[in-house]
N, C-alpha and C. Protein backbone atom coordinates (compact mmCIF):
# COMPACT_ATOMS: atom_id res chain seq x y z
N MET A 1 102.94 66.32 55.19
CA MET A 1 103.10 67.46 55.64
C MET A 1 103.64 67.48 57.41
N PRO A 2 104.49 68.28 57.69
CA PRO A 2 104.88 68.46 59.10
C PRO A 2 103.69 68.60 60.12
N PHE A 3 103.86 68.45 61.28
CA PHE A 3 102.83 68.20 62.21
C PHE A 3 103.50 68.35 63.58
N PRO A 4 102.73 69.28 64.67
CA PRO A 4 103.65 69.35 65.81
C PRO A 4 103.88 68.12 66.70
N ILE A 5 104.84 67.67 66.96
CA ILE A 5 104.87 66.17 68.05
C ILE A 5 105.25 66.89 69.60
N VAL A 6 104.33 66.36 70.09
CA VAL A 6 104.70 66.96 71.83
C VAL A 6 105.25 65.73 72.47
N GLY A 7 106.10 66.37 73.14
CA GLY A 7 106.93 65.10 73.96
C GLY A 7 106.45 65.42 75.33
N ILE A 8 106.45 64.45 76.20
CA ILE A 8 106.00 64.56 77.19
C ILE A 8 106.86 63.61 78.70
N GLY A 9 107.39 64.35 79.64
CA GLY A 9 108.08 63.97 80.52
C GLY A 9 107.44 63.74 81.87
N ALA A 10 107.77 62.52 82.43
CA ALA A 10 106.81 62.50 84.03
C ALA A 10 107.74 61.27 84.57
N SER A 11 107.72 61.51 86.04
CA SER A 11 108.24 60.40 86.80
C SER A 11 107.62 60.42 88.01
N ALA A 12 108.15 60.03 89.18
CA ALA A 12 106.95 60.16 90.48
C ALA A 12 105.40 61.46 90.36
N GLY A 13 104.83 60.43 90.49
CA GLY A 13 103.27 61.19 90.70
C GLY A 13 102.83 61.33 88.87
N GLY A 14 103.33 60.96 88.35
CA GLY A 14 103.26 61.22 86.84
C GLY A 14 101.73 60.50 86.22
N LEU A 15 101.65 59.35 86.69
CA LEU A 15 100.43 58.78 86.27
C LEU A 15 99.18 59.76 86.22
N GLU A 16 98.98 59.91 87.50
CA GLU A 16 97.70 61.10 87.69
C GLU A 16 97.84 62.31 86.78
N ALA A 17 98.96 63.02 86.72
CA ALA A 17 99.44 64.13 86.03
C ALA A 17 99.12 63.98 84.63
N VAL A 18 99.54 62.74 83.65
CA VAL A 18 99.53 62.74 82.49
C VAL A 18 97.82 62.15 82.64
N SER A 19 97.34 61.31 83.19
CA SER A 19 96.02 61.09 82.82
C SER A 19 95.20 62.24 82.77
N GLU A 20 95.59 63.25 83.66
CA GLU A 20 94.64 64.61 83.59
C GLU A 20 95.07 65.34 82.16
N PHE A 21 96.41 65.41 81.74
CA PHE A 21 96.72 66.15 80.82
C PHE A 21 96.04 65.41 79.55
N LEU A 22 95.70 63.99 79.16
CA LEU A 22 95.66 63.24 78.31
C LEU A 22 94.06 63.40 78.43
N ALA A 23 93.32 63.47 79.56
CA ALA A 23 91.72 63.83 79.39
C ALA A 23 91.54 65.15 78.82
N GLY A 24 92.33 65.97 78.96
CA GLY A 24 92.14 67.25 78.50
C GLY A 24 92.18 67.89 76.76
N LEU A 25 92.69 66.64 76.38
CA LEU A 25 92.84 66.56 74.91
C LEU A 25 91.81 66.47 74.15
N PRO A 26 91.52 67.11 73.09
CA PRO A 26 90.49 66.38 72.19
C PRO A 26 91.01 65.33 71.29
N ALA A 27 90.04 64.61 70.64
CA ALA A 27 90.41 63.26 69.71
C ALA A 27 91.17 63.87 68.58
N THR A 28 90.76 64.68 68.15
CA THR A 28 91.53 65.44 66.72
C THR A 28 92.24 66.91 67.30
N SER A 29 93.64 67.01 67.47
CA SER A 29 94.13 68.01 67.23
C SER A 29 95.35 68.62 66.27
N GLY A 30 95.78 67.37 65.70
CA GLY A 30 96.62 67.30 64.81
C GLY A 30 97.62 67.16 65.29
N MET A 31 98.11 67.08 66.18
CA MET A 31 99.47 66.80 67.00
C MET A 31 99.67 65.19 67.71
N ALA A 32 101.02 64.70 67.46
CA ALA A 32 101.07 63.46 68.05
C ALA A 32 102.02 63.83 69.35
N PHE A 33 102.07 62.73 70.33
CA PHE A 33 101.86 62.60 71.44
C PHE A 33 103.09 61.64 72.30
N LEU A 34 104.13 62.05 72.63
CA LEU A 34 105.35 61.05 72.66
C LEU A 34 105.25 61.24 74.26
N LEU A 35 105.37 59.95 75.18
CA LEU A 35 105.43 60.13 76.42
C LEU A 35 106.12 59.32 76.88
N VAL A 36 107.52 59.85 77.83
CA VAL A 36 108.25 59.21 78.51
C VAL A 36 107.92 59.19 79.90
N GLN A 37 107.54 58.23 80.92
CA GLN A 37 107.48 58.10 82.16
C GLN A 37 108.36 57.29 82.61
N HIS A 38 109.02 57.73 83.78
CA HIS A 38 110.15 56.62 84.26
C HIS A 38 109.56 55.39 84.62
N LEU A 39 109.95 54.33 84.08
CA LEU A 39 109.30 53.10 84.36
C LEU A 39 110.33 52.21 85.43
N ASP A 40 109.98 51.25 86.00
CA ASP A 40 110.93 50.25 86.38
C ASP A 40 111.28 49.62 85.48
N PRO A 41 112.55 49.08 85.00
CA PRO A 41 113.21 48.42 83.63
C PRO A 41 113.12 47.14 83.68
N HIS A 42 112.62 46.51 84.85
CA HIS A 42 112.75 45.16 85.17
C HIS A 42 111.23 44.52 84.80
N HIS A 43 110.38 45.24 84.96
CA HIS A 43 109.04 45.11 85.09
C HIS A 43 107.99 44.93 83.92
N GLU A 44 107.04 44.43 83.16
CA GLU A 44 106.38 44.93 82.09
C GLU A 44 105.45 46.11 82.58
N SER A 45 105.19 46.74 81.78
CA SER A 45 104.04 47.91 81.70
C SER A 45 103.00 47.87 81.29
N VAL A 46 101.89 48.10 82.04
CA VAL A 46 100.50 48.36 81.83
C VAL A 46 99.96 50.02 81.38
N LEU A 47 101.24 50.66 81.48
CA LEU A 47 100.74 52.00 81.43
C LEU A 47 99.82 52.44 80.07
N ALA A 48 100.09 51.77 78.70
CA ALA A 48 99.57 52.23 77.90
C ALA A 48 97.99 51.92 77.83
N GLU A 49 97.83 50.81 78.35
CA GLU A 49 96.32 50.20 78.80
C GLU A 49 95.87 51.14 79.50
N LEU A 50 96.45 51.48 80.83
CA LEU A 50 95.80 52.55 82.08
C LEU A 50 95.28 53.97 81.31
N LEU A 51 96.32 54.27 80.56
CA LEU A 51 96.18 55.86 79.92
C LEU A 51 94.98 55.86 78.66
N ALA A 52 94.86 54.80 77.98
CA ALA A 52 94.00 54.37 76.83
C ALA A 52 92.45 54.58 77.83
N GLU A 53 92.31 54.55 79.01
CA GLU A 53 90.96 54.57 79.47
C GLU A 53 90.57 55.96 79.90
N LYS A 54 91.89 56.57 79.70
CA LYS A 54 91.79 58.55 79.82
C LYS A 54 91.47 59.52 79.03
N THR A 55 91.70 58.73 77.68
CA THR A 55 91.74 59.32 76.79
C THR A 55 90.90 59.06 75.52
N ALA A 56 90.20 60.40 74.64
CA ALA A 56 89.46 59.72 73.34
C ALA A 56 90.88 59.29 72.21
N LEU A 57 91.82 59.75 72.43
CA LEU A 57 93.13 59.17 71.43
C LEU A 57 93.38 57.86 71.51
N PRO A 58 93.96 57.20 70.41
CA PRO A 58 94.50 55.90 70.71
C PRO A 58 95.96 56.07 71.08
N VAL A 59 96.11 55.08 72.35
CA VAL A 59 97.32 54.82 73.01
C VAL A 59 97.94 53.52 72.64
N ARG A 60 99.30 53.75 72.32
CA ARG A 60 100.20 52.36 72.19
C ARG A 60 101.47 52.55 72.65
N GLU A 61 102.07 51.24 73.11
CA GLU A 61 103.47 51.35 73.30
C GLU A 61 104.26 51.38 72.37
N ALA A 62 105.09 52.33 72.22
CA ALA A 62 106.22 52.30 71.38
C ALA A 62 106.99 51.08 70.92
N ALA A 63 106.90 51.10 69.53
CA ALA A 63 107.80 50.07 68.79
C ALA A 63 109.09 50.56 68.24
N GLU A 64 109.82 50.08 68.00
CA GLU A 64 110.82 50.10 67.16
C GLU A 64 110.79 50.75 65.61
N GLY A 65 111.03 51.79 64.93
CA GLY A 65 110.59 51.97 63.72
C GLY A 65 109.36 52.42 63.66
N LEU A 66 108.39 52.48 64.08
CA LEU A 66 107.16 52.73 64.04
C LEU A 66 106.82 54.55 63.59
N ALA A 67 106.38 54.63 62.66
CA ALA A 67 106.07 55.92 62.02
C ALA A 67 104.87 56.69 62.98
N VAL A 68 105.21 57.91 63.48
CA VAL A 68 104.72 58.60 64.27
C VAL A 68 103.53 59.55 63.39
N GLU A 69 102.28 59.43 63.95
CA GLU A 69 101.24 59.81 63.17
C GLU A 69 100.48 60.85 64.24
N PRO A 70 99.77 62.11 63.55
CA PRO A 70 99.02 62.72 64.58
C PRO A 70 98.04 62.02 64.91
N ASP A 71 97.46 62.73 66.19
CA ASP A 71 96.27 62.40 66.93
C ASP A 71 96.54 61.07 67.37
N GLN A 72 97.74 60.44 68.06
CA GLN A 72 98.15 59.30 68.64
C GLN A 72 99.02 59.55 69.75
N VAL A 73 98.84 58.66 70.53
CA VAL A 73 99.93 58.83 71.72
C VAL A 73 100.42 57.50 72.00
N TYR A 74 102.05 57.84 72.01
CA TYR A 74 103.05 56.65 72.03
C TYR A 74 103.63 56.97 73.56
N VAL A 75 103.68 55.44 73.80
CA VAL A 75 104.39 55.30 75.50
C VAL A 75 105.84 54.59 75.53
N ILE A 76 106.49 55.52 76.16
CA ILE A 76 107.71 54.52 76.12
C ILE A 76 107.60 53.02 76.91
N PRO A 77 108.35 52.05 76.08
CA PRO A 77 108.23 50.79 77.24
C PRO A 77 109.16 50.73 78.21
N PRO A 78 109.38 49.93 78.62
CA PRO A 78 110.39 49.66 79.97
C PRO A 78 111.54 49.38 79.63
N ASN A 79 112.48 49.80 80.28
CA ASN A 79 114.09 49.75 79.98
C ASN A 79 114.38 50.30 78.68
N ALA A 80 113.94 51.21 78.15
CA ALA A 80 114.51 51.64 76.64
C ALA A 80 114.28 53.26 76.98
N ILE A 81 115.28 53.63 75.95
CA ILE A 81 115.44 55.42 75.63
C ILE A 81 114.64 55.42 74.33
N MET A 82 113.64 56.36 74.36
CA MET A 82 113.07 56.46 73.06
C MET A 82 113.36 57.94 72.40
N THR A 83 113.31 57.90 71.20
CA THR A 83 113.70 59.11 70.40
C THR A 83 113.23 59.42 69.15
N LEU A 84 112.94 60.25 68.51
CA LEU A 84 112.77 60.35 67.05
C LEU A 84 113.58 60.35 66.20
N SER A 85 113.41 59.93 65.21
CA SER A 85 114.44 60.00 63.88
C SER A 85 113.98 59.50 62.65
N GLN A 86 113.87 60.75 61.67
CA GLN A 86 113.02 60.90 60.55
C GLN A 86 111.72 60.35 60.54
N GLY A 87 110.81 61.02 61.69
CA GLY A 87 109.28 60.90 61.92
C GLY A 87 109.20 59.47 62.54
N ARG A 88 110.01 58.67 62.80
CA ARG A 88 110.04 57.17 63.33
C ARG A 88 110.65 57.16 64.81
N LEU A 89 109.76 56.21 65.55
CA LEU A 89 110.40 55.80 66.61
C LEU A 89 111.40 55.25 66.82
N ALA A 90 112.88 55.62 67.53
CA ALA A 90 113.79 54.48 67.80
C ALA A 90 113.74 54.45 69.20
N LEU A 91 114.24 53.28 69.78
CA LEU A 91 114.06 52.39 70.89
C LEU A 91 115.67 51.91 70.85
N VAL A 92 116.11 52.15 72.09
CA VAL A 92 117.68 51.79 72.46
C VAL A 92 117.17 51.42 73.89
N PRO A 93 118.33 50.32 74.50
CA PRO A 93 118.31 49.79 75.65
C PRO A 93 118.88 50.73 76.66
N ARG A 94 117.97 50.67 77.93
CA ARG A 94 118.47 52.18 78.70
C ARG A 94 120.02 51.55 79.01
N ASP A 95 120.33 50.48 79.27
CA ASP A 95 121.52 49.86 79.84
C ASP A 95 122.72 50.56 78.87
N ASP A 96 122.63 50.86 77.91
CA ASP A 96 123.51 51.44 76.82
C ASP A 96 123.88 52.97 77.02
N PHE A 97 123.29 53.53 77.99
CA PHE A 97 123.64 54.76 78.44
C PHE A 97 124.49 54.73 79.72
N PRO A 98 125.13 55.56 79.83
CA PRO A 98 125.51 55.55 81.60
C PRO A 98 124.81 56.12 82.51
N PRO A 99 124.59 55.76 83.76
CA PRO A 99 123.71 56.33 84.65
C PRO A 99 124.02 57.63 85.14
N PRO A 100 123.24 58.23 85.99
CA PRO A 100 121.25 57.81 85.63
C PRO A 100 120.87 58.08 84.20
N PRO A 101 119.78 57.09 83.82
CA PRO A 101 119.54 57.67 82.74
C PRO A 101 118.35 58.46 82.71
N MET A 102 118.66 59.47 81.78
CA MET A 102 117.89 60.67 81.14
C MET A 102 116.66 60.50 80.16
N PRO A 103 115.82 59.75 80.20
CA PRO A 103 115.46 59.02 79.05
C PRO A 103 114.28 60.43 78.55
N VAL A 104 113.76 61.39 79.47
CA VAL A 104 113.13 62.25 79.08
C VAL A 104 114.23 63.54 78.06
N ASP A 105 115.20 63.75 78.65
CA ASP A 105 116.22 64.67 78.10
C ASP A 105 116.25 63.99 77.02
N HIS A 106 116.63 62.81 76.43
CA HIS A 106 117.22 62.31 75.00
C HIS A 106 115.87 62.32 74.07
N LEU A 107 114.67 62.04 74.87
CA LEU A 107 113.69 62.45 73.73
C LEU A 107 113.50 63.85 73.54
N PHE A 108 113.89 64.78 74.27
CA PHE A 108 113.49 66.11 74.16
C PHE A 108 114.41 66.82 73.06
N TYR A 109 115.67 66.08 73.31
CA TYR A 109 117.00 66.86 72.01
C TYR A 109 116.55 66.36 70.66
N SER A 110 115.99 64.94 70.79
CA SER A 110 115.51 64.38 69.55
C SER A 110 114.46 64.90 68.70
N LEU A 111 113.37 65.55 69.48
CA LEU A 111 112.38 66.58 69.17
C LEU A 111 113.16 67.66 68.86
N ALA A 112 113.74 68.73 69.50
CA ALA A 112 114.71 69.90 68.98
C ALA A 112 115.17 69.92 67.89
N GLU A 113 116.08 68.44 67.38
CA GLU A 113 116.92 68.46 66.45
C GLU A 113 115.60 67.92 65.33
N GLU A 114 114.75 67.12 65.30
CA GLU A 114 114.02 66.55 64.03
C GLU A 114 112.83 67.54 63.89
N GLN A 115 112.21 68.38 64.86
CA GLN A 115 111.08 69.15 64.70
C GLN A 115 111.29 70.60 64.74
N GLY A 116 112.31 70.97 65.05
CA GLY A 116 112.84 72.48 65.44
C GLY A 116 111.39 73.32 65.82
N ALA A 117 111.06 74.25 65.67
CA ALA A 117 109.57 74.90 65.64
C ALA A 117 108.67 74.15 66.12
N ASN A 118 108.57 73.04 65.41
CA ASN A 118 107.31 72.10 65.47
C ASN A 118 107.15 71.17 66.54
N ALA A 119 108.21 71.39 67.55
CA ALA A 119 108.47 70.47 68.88
C ALA A 119 107.76 71.00 69.83
N ILE A 120 107.12 70.40 70.89
CA ILE A 120 106.54 71.05 72.11
C ILE A 120 106.80 70.17 73.25
N GLY A 121 107.76 70.51 74.19
CA GLY A 121 107.83 69.91 75.25
C GLY A 121 106.94 70.45 76.73
N VAL A 122 106.79 69.13 77.39
CA VAL A 122 105.66 69.13 78.36
C VAL A 122 106.65 68.44 79.56
N ILE A 123 106.57 69.17 80.78
CA ILE A 123 107.52 68.50 81.69
C ILE A 123 106.38 68.52 82.85
N LEU A 124 105.89 67.21 83.69
CA LEU A 124 104.89 66.92 84.72
C LEU A 124 105.71 66.36 86.01
N SER A 125 104.95 66.09 86.41
CA SER A 125 105.11 65.71 88.39
C SER A 125 106.47 64.60 87.89
N GLY A 126 107.68 65.00 88.96
CA GLY A 126 108.52 64.04 88.74
C GLY A 126 109.44 64.75 89.43
N ALA A 127 110.27 63.84 90.36
CA ALA A 127 111.59 64.29 91.23
C ALA A 127 112.63 64.25 90.31
N GLY A 128 113.97 65.04 90.79
CA GLY A 128 115.14 65.06 89.98
C GLY A 128 115.05 66.10 88.95
N SER A 129 115.91 65.80 87.98
CA SER A 129 115.88 67.07 86.99
C SER A 129 115.87 66.52 85.26
N ASP A 130 115.35 65.51 85.18
CA ASP A 130 115.56 64.75 83.94
C ASP A 130 114.37 65.50 83.28
N GLY A 131 114.95 66.05 81.94
CA GLY A 131 113.87 66.66 81.18
C GLY A 131 114.17 68.13 81.02
N ALA A 132 115.21 69.01 81.87
CA ALA A 132 115.54 70.33 82.10
C ALA A 132 116.35 70.67 80.96
N LEU A 133 117.21 70.13 80.81
CA LEU A 133 117.97 70.17 79.47
C LEU A 133 117.35 70.04 78.28
N GLY A 134 116.53 68.97 78.05
CA GLY A 134 116.23 68.75 76.96
C GLY A 134 114.98 69.79 76.40
N LEU A 135 114.27 70.33 77.56
CA LEU A 135 113.19 71.25 77.33
C LEU A 135 113.97 72.52 77.29
N GLN A 136 115.12 72.63 77.39
CA GLN A 136 115.73 73.92 77.05
C GLN A 136 116.67 73.95 75.51
N ALA A 137 117.01 72.86 75.12
CA ALA A 137 117.04 72.60 73.63
C ALA A 137 115.83 72.68 72.74
N ILE A 138 114.40 72.26 73.12
CA ILE A 138 113.53 72.61 72.38
C ILE A 138 112.87 74.27 72.45
N LYS A 139 113.59 74.89 73.57
CA LYS A 139 112.87 76.29 73.42
C LYS A 139 114.05 76.95 72.61
N ARG A 140 115.58 76.63 72.73
CA ARG A 140 116.23 77.04 71.75
C ARG A 140 116.00 76.85 70.27
N SER A 141 115.39 75.71 69.79
CA SER A 141 115.18 75.28 68.34
C SER A 141 113.87 75.97 68.28
N GLY A 142 113.20 76.83 68.90
CA GLY A 142 112.01 77.81 68.64
C GLY A 142 110.82 76.74 68.95
N GLY A 143 110.61 75.61 69.55
CA GLY A 143 109.61 75.15 70.05
C GLY A 143 109.00 75.78 71.14
N LEU A 144 107.87 75.21 71.79
CA LEU A 144 107.20 75.66 72.77
C LEU A 144 107.48 74.44 73.87
N THR A 145 107.42 75.07 75.13
CA THR A 145 107.89 74.43 76.30
C THR A 145 106.67 75.03 77.28
N TYR A 146 106.24 74.02 78.31
CA TYR A 146 105.59 73.62 79.07
C TYR A 146 105.86 73.08 80.32
N ALA A 147 105.56 73.60 81.75
CA ALA A 147 105.80 72.77 82.90
C ALA A 147 104.45 72.54 83.77
N GLN A 148 104.30 71.40 84.44
CA GLN A 148 103.10 71.41 85.53
C GLN A 148 103.56 72.57 86.51
N ASP A 149 102.70 73.28 86.90
CA ASP A 149 102.57 74.32 88.33
C ASP A 149 103.04 73.50 89.55
N GLU A 150 103.60 74.03 90.26
CA GLU A 150 104.14 73.33 91.35
C GLU A 150 102.87 72.91 92.58
N GLY A 151 101.91 73.69 92.57
CA GLY A 151 100.91 73.49 93.34
C GLY A 151 100.08 72.22 92.80
N ALA A 152 100.06 71.89 91.41
CA ALA A 152 99.39 70.74 90.98
C ALA A 152 100.20 69.69 90.68
N ALA A 153 101.44 69.54 91.20
CA ALA A 153 102.45 68.62 91.09
C ALA A 153 102.48 67.73 92.43
N LYS A 154 102.50 66.44 92.08
CA LYS A 154 102.80 65.55 93.56
C LYS A 154 104.47 65.76 94.14
N PHE A 155 105.21 65.64 92.74
CA PHE A 155 106.52 65.97 92.89
C PHE A 155 107.08 66.80 92.11
N HIS A 156 107.64 68.01 92.48
CA HIS A 156 107.67 69.35 91.64
C HIS A 156 109.27 69.28 90.91
N GLY A 157 110.20 68.39 91.66
CA GLY A 157 111.48 68.45 91.10
C GLY A 157 111.67 68.43 89.75
N MET A 158 111.33 67.98 88.74
CA MET A 158 111.42 68.24 87.12
C MET A 158 110.72 69.45 86.77
N PRO A 159 109.66 69.82 87.14
CA PRO A 159 108.99 70.65 86.48
C PRO A 159 109.86 72.09 87.14
N LYS A 160 110.34 72.01 88.50
CA LYS A 160 110.96 73.07 88.91
C LYS A 160 112.25 73.12 88.33
N ALA A 161 113.17 72.38 87.65
CA ALA A 161 114.26 72.33 87.50
C ALA A 161 114.61 72.95 86.03
N ALA A 162 113.14 72.62 85.53
CA ALA A 162 113.40 72.97 84.28
C ALA A 162 112.93 74.58 84.16
N ALA A 163 111.98 75.18 85.02
CA ALA A 163 111.74 76.72 85.23
C ALA A 163 113.19 77.29 85.77
N GLU A 164 113.84 76.50 86.45
CA GLU A 164 114.81 77.24 86.97
C GLU A 164 116.16 77.21 85.89
N ARG A 165 115.86 76.54 84.88
CA ARG A 165 117.01 76.82 83.80
C ARG A 165 116.28 77.80 82.67
N GLY A 166 115.37 78.62 83.08
CA GLY A 166 114.66 79.46 82.27
C GLY A 166 113.95 78.53 81.00
N ALA A 167 113.75 77.55 80.94
CA ALA A 167 113.46 76.47 79.82
C ALA A 167 112.03 76.43 79.40
N VAL A 168 111.27 77.24 80.29
CA VAL A 168 109.71 76.83 80.50
C VAL A 168 109.33 78.51 79.88
N ASP A 169 108.28 78.10 78.73
CA ASP A 169 107.40 79.22 78.19
C ASP A 169 105.99 79.70 79.33
N ARG A 170 105.54 78.47 79.76
CA ARG A 170 104.27 78.40 80.13
C ARG A 170 104.27 77.10 81.52
N VAL A 171 103.68 77.70 82.72
CA VAL A 171 103.73 77.16 83.90
C VAL A 171 102.17 76.71 84.18
N LEU A 172 101.51 75.68 83.84
CA LEU A 172 100.35 75.22 84.26
C LEU A 172 99.94 74.00 84.76
N PRO A 173 98.33 73.94 85.13
CA PRO A 173 98.24 72.74 85.49
C PRO A 173 98.03 71.30 84.38
N PRO A 174 98.25 70.45 84.42
CA PRO A 174 98.27 69.41 83.34
C PRO A 174 96.84 69.64 82.10
N ARG A 175 95.71 69.95 82.75
CA ARG A 175 94.53 69.98 82.13
C ARG A 175 94.56 71.23 81.08
N GLU A 176 95.18 72.31 81.81
CA GLU A 176 95.01 73.62 81.19
C GLU A 176 96.56 73.65 80.08
N ILE A 177 97.44 72.76 80.49
CA ILE A 177 98.29 72.78 79.16
C ILE A 177 97.82 72.01 78.17
N ALA A 178 97.03 70.85 78.34
CA ALA A 178 96.21 70.33 76.78
C ALA A 178 95.08 71.09 76.61
N ARG A 179 94.34 72.12 77.17
CA ARG A 179 93.56 73.07 76.68
C ARG A 179 93.98 73.93 75.73
N GLU A 180 95.26 74.46 76.33
CA GLU A 180 96.35 75.40 75.65
C GLU A 180 96.80 74.89 74.03
N LEU A 181 97.06 73.32 74.18
CA LEU A 181 97.46 72.81 73.01
C LEU A 181 96.63 72.80 71.78
N ALA A 182 95.27 71.99 72.64
CA ALA A 182 94.15 72.06 71.78
C ALA A 182 93.73 73.47 70.76
N ARG A 183 94.04 74.57 71.75
CA ARG A 183 93.70 75.83 70.86
C ARG A 183 94.97 75.73 69.71
N LEU A 184 95.95 75.46 70.12
CA LEU A 184 97.14 75.91 69.08
C LEU A 184 96.91 74.89 68.11
N GLY A 185 96.32 73.79 68.26
CA GLY A 185 96.34 72.94 67.10
C GLY A 185 95.32 73.41 66.12
N ARG A 186 94.19 74.15 66.55
CA ARG A 186 93.38 74.69 65.89
C ARG A 186 93.79 75.75 64.89
N HIS A 187 94.77 76.59 65.51
CA HIS A 187 95.23 77.74 64.85
C HIS A 187 96.07 77.74 63.17
N PRO A 188 94.96 78.59 62.48
CA PRO A 188 95.09 78.40 61.31
C PRO A 188 97.05 78.20 60.80
N TYR A 189 97.97 78.93 61.66
CA TYR A 189 99.13 79.00 61.32
C TYR A 189 100.03 77.39 61.25
N LEU A 190 99.16 76.64 62.45
CA LEU A 190 99.61 75.51 62.35
C LEU A 190 98.97 74.37 61.59
N THR A 191 97.83 74.88 60.86
CA THR A 191 97.03 73.74 60.23
C THR A 191 96.79 74.22 58.88
N ARG A 192 97.33 75.71 58.34
CA ARG A 192 97.03 75.95 57.07
C ARG A 192 97.55 75.31 55.82
N ASP A 193 98.51 74.23 56.05
CA ASP A 193 99.07 73.29 54.94
C ASP A 193 98.41 71.92 55.02
N ARG A 194 97.54 71.71 55.95
CA ARG A 194 96.62 70.37 55.89
C ARG A 194 95.70 70.27 55.02
C-alpha cells in the first residue's frame, strides 16, 4: 500500500531544527522520513546516532537499495546524493554532480516523481537555496510543503528561498510541522487503505 514519504532538508543550524522536528513525531504516523542534512563529505557522520536519542522512531543511515518503510527515519550518509527509486533508496557519490551540490533538491525531485500527492517536503534551517526548486516540484505534483518559520530558524536562507518561490504551503516551527504531520497521518483519507 502506498504511504506518505516526508523529505526533510536542512543545513546550517539543522541539527537543532531536525531534533525538534523528530521529537514532535509520534512513534507511529504511517509515514517514512528521509533526511538530507548538508554534511562534511570527508568525515564520517554520527548524525543517525545523535538523532536516535531525540525520537521514538528507529533512525538509520541510508544504504543503497534499502526499502523505505513507514515509521522509520533514514539519514543521508556523507558525500552522497540520496534519492528514492521504486520505493528504495538510491545513493550516488556527490562528486558525480557538478558543484554546488544540491542534495535536498535531488531528494525532493525524486519524491515528486515517485510519490506525487503522497510526497511531503520540509525545509528546515540552512543557508543558501538548496531545496527550493525541489519543494516547488513536490507542490506541483500535488504533495504538501512546509518550511521552518524565520523566527525559529538559526539560518533562514533555505526556508526563505523556498517561500520566495511560492513553493511552501505552511510556514511553522519544526515541532508544529511534526504535529501537523502526525494529525495528517491519522486522517482517514491517508489511512483508509491500510
